[in-house]
PDB file of all heavy atoms in Angstrom:
ATOM      1  N   VAL A   1       0.848  -1.179   0.042  1.00  0.00           N
ATOM      2  CA  VAL A   1      -0.027  -0.020  -0.003  1.00  0.00           C
ATOM      3  C   VAL A   1       0.858   1.297   0.030  1.00  0.00           C
ATOM      4  O   VAL A   1       0.362   2.313   0.208  1.00  0.00           O
ATOM      5  CB  VAL A   1      -0.923  -0.020   1.229  1.00  0.00           C
ATOM      6  CG1 VAL A   1      -1.962  -1.079   1.107  1.00  0.00           C
ATOM      7  CG2 VAL A   1      -0.178  -0.126   2.534  1.00  0.00           C
ATOM      8  N   ALA A   2       2.146   1.110  -0.225  1.00  0.00           N
ATOM      9  CA  ALA A   2       3.005   2.291  -0.287  1.00  0.00           C
ATOM     10  C   ALA A   2       2.746   3.119  -1.477  1.00  0.00           C
ATOM     11  O   ALA A   2       2.342   2.538  -2.527  1.00  0.00           O
ATOM     12  CB  ALA A   2       4.525   1.869  -0.289  1.00  0.00           C
ATOM     13  N   THR A   3       2.921   4.424  -1.435  1.00  0.00           N
ATOM     14  CA  THR A   3       2.650   5.309  -2.604  1.00  0.00           C
ATOM     15  C   THR A   3       3.855   5.204  -3.624  1.00  0.00           C
ATOM     16  O   THR A   3       4.962   5.316  -3.183  1.00  0.00           O
ATOM     17  CB  THR A   3       2.606   6.755  -2.077  1.00  0.00           C
ATOM     18  OG1 THR A   3       1.540   6.879  -1.190  1.00  0.00           O
ATOM     19  CG2 THR A   3       2.374   7.743  -3.279  1.00  0.00           C
ATOM     20  N   GLU A   4       3.473   4.977  -4.753  1.00  0.00           N
ATOM     21  CA  GLU A   4       4.556   4.788  -5.873  1.00  0.00           C
ATOM     22  C   GLU A   4       4.287   5.924  -6.928  1.00  0.00           C
ATOM     23  O   GLU A   4       3.254   6.466  -7.080  1.00  0.00           O
ATOM     24  CB  GLU A   4       4.306   3.413  -6.455  1.00  0.00           C
ATOM     25  CG  GLU A   4       4.510   2.216  -5.592  1.00  0.00           C
ATOM     26  CD  GLU A   4       4.461   0.930  -6.268  1.00  0.00           C
ATOM     27  OE1 GLU A   4       4.752   0.918  -7.548  1.00  0.00           O
ATOM     28  OE2 GLU A   4       4.172  -0.078  -5.577  1.00  0.00           O
ATOM     29  N   THR A   5       5.477   6.148  -7.566  1.00  0.00           N
ATOM     30  CA  THR A   5       5.527   7.230  -8.574  1.00  0.00           C
ATOM     31  C   THR A   5       5.776   6.582  -9.906  1.00  0.00           C
ATOM     32  O   THR A   5       6.669   5.730 -10.028  1.00  0.00           O
ATOM     33  CB  THR A   5       6.530   8.285  -8.266  1.00  0.00           C
ATOM     34  OG1 THR A   5       6.204   8.852  -6.950  1.00  0.00           O
ATOM     35  CG2 THR A   5       6.426   9.410  -9.253  1.00  0.00           C
ATOM     36  N   MET A   6       5.128   7.076 -10.975  1.00  0.00           N
ATOM     37  CA  MET A   6       5.363   6.459 -12.332  1.00  0.00           C
ATOM     38  C   MET A   6       5.252   7.606 -13.381  1.00  0.00           C
ATOM     39  O   MET A   6       4.418   8.512 -13.209  1.00  0.00           O
ATOM     40  CB  MET A   6       4.319   5.359 -12.609  1.00  0.00           C
ATOM     41  CG  MET A   6       4.521   4.706 -13.964  1.00  0.00           C
ATOM     42  SD  MET A   6       3.166   3.506 -14.267  1.00  0.00           S
ATOM     43  CE  MET A   6       3.528   2.316 -12.975  1.00  0.00           C
ATOM     44  N   ASN A   7       6.086   7.482 -14.343  1.00  0.00           N
ATOM     45  CA  ASN A   7       5.980   8.429 -15.500  1.00  0.00           C
ATOM     46  C   ASN A   7       4.621   8.170 -16.158  1.00  0.00           C
ATOM     47  O   ASN A   7       4.313   6.971 -16.517  1.00  0.00           O
ATOM     48  CB  ASN A   7       7.088   8.170 -16.484  1.00  0.00           C
ATOM     49  CG  ASN A   7       7.208   9.270 -17.545  1.00  0.00           C
ATOM     50  OD1 ASN A   7       6.260   9.686 -18.050  1.00  0.00           O
ATOM     51  ND2 ASN A   7       8.437   9.632 -17.706  1.00  0.00           N
ATOM     52  N   MET A   8       3.886   9.238 -16.460  1.00  0.00           N
ATOM     53  CA  MET A   8       2.557   9.059 -16.947  1.00  0.00           C
ATOM     54  C   MET A   8       2.564   8.646 -18.391  1.00  0.00           C
ATOM     55  O   MET A   8       1.550   8.082 -19.019  1.00  0.00           O
ATOM     56  CB  MET A   8       1.743  10.360 -16.948  1.00  0.00           C
ATOM     57  CG  MET A   8       2.292  11.449 -17.772  1.00  0.00           C
ATOM     58  SD  MET A   8       1.234  12.943 -17.640  1.00  0.00           S
ATOM     59  CE  MET A   8       1.896  14.027 -18.947  1.00  0.00           C
ATOM     60  N   ALA A   9       3.747   8.585 -19.018  1.00  0.00           N
ATOM     61  CA  ALA A   9       3.884   8.090 -20.465  1.00  0.00           C
ATOM     62  C   ALA A   9       4.195   6.592 -20.460  1.00  0.00           C
ATOM     63  O   ALA A   9       4.292   5.986 -21.513  1.00  0.00           O
ATOM     64  CB  ALA A   9       4.997   8.826 -21.280  1.00  0.00           C
ATOM     65  N   MET A  10       4.409   5.961 -19.253  1.00  0.00           N
ATOM     66  CA  MET A  10       4.858   4.609 -19.224  1.00  0.00           C
ATOM     67  C   MET A  10       3.654   3.776 -19.611  1.00  0.00           C
ATOM     68  O   MET A  10       2.524   3.808 -19.079  1.00  0.00           O
ATOM     69  CB  MET A  10       5.236   4.209 -17.801  1.00  0.00           C
ATOM     70  CG  MET A  10       5.710   2.871 -17.597  1.00  0.00           C
ATOM     71  SD  MET A  10       7.179   2.327 -18.678  1.00  0.00           S
ATOM     72  CE  MET A  10       8.365   3.390 -17.871  1.00  0.00           C
ATOM     73  N   ASP A  11       3.886   2.789 -20.583  1.00  0.00           N
ATOM     74  CA  ASP A  11       2.925   1.860 -20.983  1.00  0.00           C
ATOM     75  C   ASP A  11       3.429   0.427 -20.449  1.00  0.00           C
ATOM     76  O   ASP A  11       4.417  -0.031 -20.951  1.00  0.00           O
ATOM     77  CB  ASP A  11       2.816   1.743 -22.457  1.00  0.00           C
ATOM     78  CG  ASP A  11       1.598   0.967 -22.969  1.00  0.00           C
ATOM     79  OD1 ASP A  11       1.261  -0.016 -22.206  1.00  0.00           O
ATOM     80  OD2 ASP A  11       0.979   1.186 -24.015  1.00  0.00           O
ATOM     81  N   LEU A  12       2.724  -0.096 -19.489  1.00  0.00           N
ATOM     82  CA  LEU A  12       3.249  -1.308 -18.758  1.00  0.00           C
ATOM     83  C   LEU A  12       3.042  -2.540 -19.686  1.00  0.00           C
ATOM     84  O   LEU A  12       3.743  -3.556 -19.495  1.00  0.00           O
ATOM     85  CB  LEU A  12       2.416  -1.508 -17.456  1.00  0.00           C
ATOM     86  CG  LEU A  12       2.619  -0.442 -16.460  1.00  0.00           C
ATOM     87  CD1 LEU A  12       1.738  -0.777 -15.202  1.00  0.00           C
ATOM     88  CD2 LEU A  12       4.021  -0.257 -16.030  1.00  0.00           C
ATOM     89  N   GLU A  13       2.216  -2.523 -20.676  1.00  0.00           N
ATOM     90  CA  GLU A  13       1.970  -3.613 -21.637  1.00  0.00           C
ATOM     91  C   GLU A  13       2.917  -3.575 -22.751  1.00  0.00           C
ATOM     92  O   GLU A  13       3.429  -4.525 -23.243  1.00  0.00           O
ATOM     93  CB  GLU A  13       0.523  -3.631 -22.085  1.00  0.00           C
ATOM     94  CG  GLU A  13      -0.409  -3.985 -20.998  1.00  0.00           C
ATOM     95  CD  GLU A  13      -1.825  -4.097 -21.567  1.00  0.00           C
ATOM     96  OE1 GLU A  13      -2.232  -3.245 -22.427  1.00  0.00           O
ATOM     97  OE2 GLU A  13      -2.529  -4.955 -21.077  1.00  0.00           O
ATOM     98  N   THR A  14       3.282  -2.264 -23.218  1.00  0.00           N
ATOM     99  CA  THR A  14       4.203  -2.143 -24.287  1.00  0.00           C
ATOM    100  C   THR A  14       5.241  -1.073 -23.946  1.00  0.00           C
ATOM    101  O   THR A  14       5.039   0.163 -24.109  1.00  0.00           O
ATOM    102  CB  THR A  14       3.488  -1.635 -25.582  1.00  0.00           C
ATOM    103  OG1 THR A  14       2.342  -2.507 -25.879  1.00  0.00           O
ATOM    104  CG2 THR A  14       4.430  -1.625 -26.785  1.00  0.00           C
ATOM    105  N   PRO A  15       6.332  -1.455 -23.292  1.00  0.00           N
ATOM    106  CA  PRO A  15       7.328  -0.512 -22.762  1.00  0.00           C
ATOM    107  C   PRO A  15       7.948   0.378 -23.862  1.00  0.00           C
ATOM    108  O   PRO A  15       8.389   1.464 -23.494  1.00  0.00           O
ATOM    109  CB  PRO A  15       8.359  -1.373 -22.176  1.00  0.00           C
ATOM    110  CG  PRO A  15       7.665  -2.629 -21.759  1.00  0.00           C
ATOM    111  CD  PRO A  15       6.721  -2.819 -22.924  1.00  0.00           C
ATOM    112  N   GLN A  16       7.966  -0.141 -25.104  1.00  0.00           N
ATOM    113  CA  GLN A  16       8.601   0.661 -26.155  1.00  0.00           C
ATOM    114  C   GLN A  16       7.718   1.794 -26.660  1.00  0.00           C
ATOM    115  O   GLN A  16       8.157   2.755 -27.369  1.00  0.00           O
ATOM    116  CB  GLN A  16       8.929  -0.180 -27.438  1.00  0.00           C
ATOM    117  CG  GLN A  16       9.938  -1.321 -27.115  1.00  0.00           C
ATOM    118  CD  GLN A  16       9.314  -2.481 -26.349  1.00  0.00           C
ATOM    119  OE1 GLN A  16       8.061  -2.611 -26.384  1.00  0.00           O
ATOM    120  NE2 GLN A  16      10.109  -3.361 -25.857  1.00  0.00           N
ATOM    121  N   ALA A  17       6.411   1.844 -26.224  1.00  0.00           N
ATOM    122  CA  ALA A  17       5.572   2.909 -26.720  1.00  0.00           C
ATOM    123  C   ALA A  17       5.777   4.210 -26.047  1.00  0.00           C
ATOM    124  O   ALA A  17       6.454   4.237 -25.018  1.00  0.00           O
ATOM    125  CB  ALA A  17       4.011   2.446 -26.416  1.00  0.00           C
ATOM    126  N   ASN A  18       5.232   5.257 -26.659  1.00  0.00           N
ATOM    127  CA  ASN A  18       5.457   6.702 -26.083  1.00  0.00           C
ATOM    128  C   ASN A  18       6.919   6.967 -25.897  1.00  0.00           C
ATOM    129  O   ASN A  18       7.368   7.489 -24.842  1.00  0.00           O
ATOM    130  CB  ASN A  18       4.698   6.738 -24.778  1.00  0.00           C
ATOM    131  CG  ASN A  18       3.262   6.474 -24.907  1.00  0.00           C
ATOM    132  OD1 ASN A  18       2.632   6.740 -25.956  1.00  0.00           O
ATOM    133  ND2 ASN A  18       2.632   5.940 -23.871  1.00  0.00           N
ATOM    134  N   SER A  19       7.714   6.681 -26.969  1.00  0.00           N
ATOM    135  CA  SER A  19       9.129   6.989 -26.911  1.00  0.00           C
ATOM    136  C   SER A  19       9.840   6.389 -25.763  1.00  0.00           C
ATOM    137  O   SER A  19      10.579   6.900 -24.965  1.00  0.00           O
ATOM    138  CB  SER A  19       9.400   8.590 -26.839  1.00  0.00           C
ATOM    139  OG  SER A  19       8.846   9.158 -27.945  1.00  0.00           O
ATOM    140  N   GLY A  20       9.504   5.105 -25.535  1.00  0.00           N
ATOM    141  CA  GLY A  20      10.158   4.385 -24.451  1.00  0.00           C
ATOM    142  C   GLY A  20       9.642   4.768 -23.078  1.00  0.00           C
ATOM    143  O   GLY A  20      10.334   4.704 -22.071  1.00  0.00           O
ATOM    144  N   GLY A  21       8.325   5.318 -23.058  1.00  0.00           N
ATOM    145  CA  GLY A  21       7.782   5.756 -21.751  1.00  0.00           C
ATOM    146  C   GLY A  21       8.260   6.957 -21.225  1.00  0.00           C
ATOM    147  O   GLY A  21       8.299   7.205 -19.948  1.00  0.00           O
ATOM    148  N   THR A  22       8.670   7.936 -22.180  1.00  0.00           N
ATOM    149  CA  THR A  22       9.219   9.173 -21.704  1.00  0.00           C
ATOM    150  C   THR A  22       8.352  10.373 -22.145  1.00  0.00           C
ATOM    151  O   THR A  22       8.379  11.445 -21.584  1.00  0.00           O
ATOM    152  CB  THR A  22      10.663   9.342 -22.241  1.00  0.00           C
ATOM    153  OG1 THR A  22      10.618   9.314 -23.669  1.00  0.00           O
ATOM    154  CG2 THR A  22      11.546   8.342 -21.642  1.00  0.00           C
ATOM    155  N   LEU A  23       7.598  10.171 -23.279  1.00  0.00           N
ATOM    156  CA  LEU A  23       6.769  11.251 -23.838  1.00  0.00           C
ATOM    157  C   LEU A  23       5.459  10.839 -24.260  1.00  0.00           C
ATOM    158  O   LEU A  23       5.324   9.872 -25.095  1.00  0.00           O
ATOM    159  CB  LEU A  23       7.554  11.906 -25.047  1.00  0.00           C
ATOM    160  CG  LEU A  23       6.973  13.205 -25.619  1.00  0.00           C
ATOM    161  CD1 LEU A  23       7.143  14.317 -24.595  1.00  0.00           C
ATOM    162  CD2 LEU A  23       7.685  13.579 -26.892  1.00  0.00           C
ATOM    163  N   LEU A  24       4.439  11.366 -23.765  1.00  0.00           N
ATOM    164  CA  LEU A  24       3.058  11.010 -24.135  1.00  0.00           C
ATOM    165  C   LEU A  24       2.518  11.928 -25.141  1.00  0.00           C
ATOM    166  O   LEU A  24       2.549  13.205 -24.941  1.00  0.00           O
ATOM    167  CB  LEU A  24       2.184  11.014 -22.862  1.00  0.00           C
ATOM    168  CG  LEU A  24       0.702  10.708 -23.032  1.00  0.00           C
ATOM    169  CD1 LEU A  24       0.525   9.215 -23.508  1.00  0.00           C
ATOM    170  CD2 LEU A  24      -0.172  10.935 -21.785  1.00  0.00           C
ATOM    171  N   GLU A  25       2.065  11.426 -26.223  1.00  0.00           N
ATOM    172  CA  GLU A  25       1.528  12.258 -27.312  1.00  0.00           C
ATOM    173  C   GLU A  25       0.018  12.514 -27.215  1.00  0.00           C
ATOM    174  O   GLU A  25      -0.712  11.656 -26.760  1.00  0.00           O
ATOM    175  CB  GLU A  25       1.841  11.555 -28.689  1.00  0.00           C
ATOM    176  CG  GLU A  25       3.390  11.549 -28.936  1.00  0.00           C
ATOM    177  CD  GLU A  25       3.646  11.055 -30.359  1.00  0.00           C
ATOM    178  OE1 GLU A  25       2.649  10.522 -31.035  1.00  0.00           O
ATOM    179  OE2 GLU A  25       4.785  11.012 -30.776  1.00  0.00           O
ATOM    180  N   ALA A  26      -0.402  13.699 -27.586  1.00  0.00           N
ATOM    181  CA  ALA A  26      -1.827  14.038 -27.566  1.00  0.00           C
ATOM    182  C   ALA A  26      -2.106  15.001 -28.645  1.00  0.00           C
ATOM    183  O   ALA A  26      -1.159  15.777 -29.014  1.00  0.00           O
ATOM    184  CB  ALA A  26      -2.228  14.572 -26.221  1.00  0.00           C
ATOM    185  N   VAL A  27      -3.325  15.096 -29.167  1.00  0.00           N
ATOM    186  CA  VAL A  27      -3.689  16.030 -30.244  1.00  0.00           C
ATOM    187  C   VAL A  27      -4.557  17.166 -29.636  1.00  0.00           C
ATOM    188  O   VAL A  27      -5.513  16.846 -28.902  1.00  0.00           O
ATOM    189  CB  VAL A  27      -4.455  15.305 -31.357  1.00  0.00           C
ATOM    190  CG1 VAL A  27      -4.882  16.204 -32.425  1.00  0.00           C
ATOM    191  CG2 VAL A  27      -3.629  14.174 -31.887  1.00  0.00           C
ATOM    192  N   THR A  28      -4.202  18.327 -29.872  1.00  0.00           N
ATOM    193  CA  THR A  28      -4.897  19.578 -29.412  1.00  0.00           C
ATOM    194  C   THR A  28      -6.094  19.872 -30.275  1.00  0.00           C
ATOM    195  O   THR A  28      -6.275  19.240 -31.347  1.00  0.00           O
ATOM    196  CB  THR A  28      -4.063  20.730 -29.292  1.00  0.00           C
ATOM    197  OG1 THR A  28      -3.642  21.134 -30.603  1.00  0.00           O
ATOM    198  CG2 THR A  28      -2.726  20.447 -28.485  1.00  0.00           C
ATOM    199  N   LYS A  29      -6.895  20.800 -29.906  1.00  0.00           N
ATOM    200  CA  LYS A  29      -8.123  21.089 -30.685  1.00  0.00           C
ATOM    201  C   LYS A  29      -7.708  21.783 -32.005  1.00  0.00           C
ATOM    202  O   LYS A  29      -8.433  21.928 -32.936  1.00  0.00           O
ATOM    203  CB  LYS A  29      -9.009  22.105 -29.921  1.00  0.00           C
ATOM    204  CG  LYS A  29      -8.394  23.388 -29.605  1.00  0.00           C
ATOM    205  CD  LYS A  29      -9.488  24.246 -28.826  1.00  0.00           C
ATOM    206  CE  LYS A  29      -8.886  25.739 -28.519  1.00  0.00           C
ATOM    207  NZ  LYS A  29      -9.906  26.501 -27.789  1.00  0.00           N
ATOM    208  N   ASP A  30      -6.414  22.290 -32.084  1.00  0.00           N
ATOM    209  CA  ASP A  30      -5.880  22.887 -33.332  1.00  0.00           C
ATOM    210  C   ASP A  30      -5.223  21.832 -34.260  1.00  0.00           C
ATOM    211  O   ASP A  30      -4.558  22.186 -35.192  1.00  0.00           O
ATOM    212  CB  ASP A  30      -4.896  24.005 -32.982  1.00  0.00           C
ATOM    213  CG  ASP A  30      -5.359  25.106 -32.165  1.00  0.00           C
ATOM    214  OD1 ASP A  30      -6.506  25.400 -32.402  1.00  0.00           O
ATOM    215  OD2 ASP A  30      -4.615  25.632 -31.326  1.00  0.00           O
ATOM    216  N   GLN A  31      -5.524  20.539 -33.947  1.00  0.00           N
ATOM    217  CA  GLN A  31      -4.940  19.415 -34.694  1.00  0.00           C
ATOM    218  C   GLN A  31      -3.448  19.410 -34.692  1.00  0.00           C
ATOM    219  O   GLN A  31      -2.825  19.112 -35.621  1.00  0.00           O
ATOM    220  CB  GLN A  31      -5.521  19.538 -36.128  1.00  0.00           C
ATOM    221  CG  GLN A  31      -7.087  19.437 -36.214  1.00  0.00           C
ATOM    222  CD  GLN A  31      -7.600  18.222 -35.537  1.00  0.00           C
ATOM    223  OE1 GLN A  31      -7.152  17.119 -35.673  1.00  0.00           O
ATOM    224  NE2 GLN A  31      -8.684  18.464 -34.837  1.00  0.00           N
TER     225      GLN A  31
END
């Protein structure tokens, strides 16, 4: 039950995704 910290770009199922779990991509309303 200890508090843990994780990079929000980390994909536990596919570690190679999101630039190796370092950068999360998103699309803005300006495309």
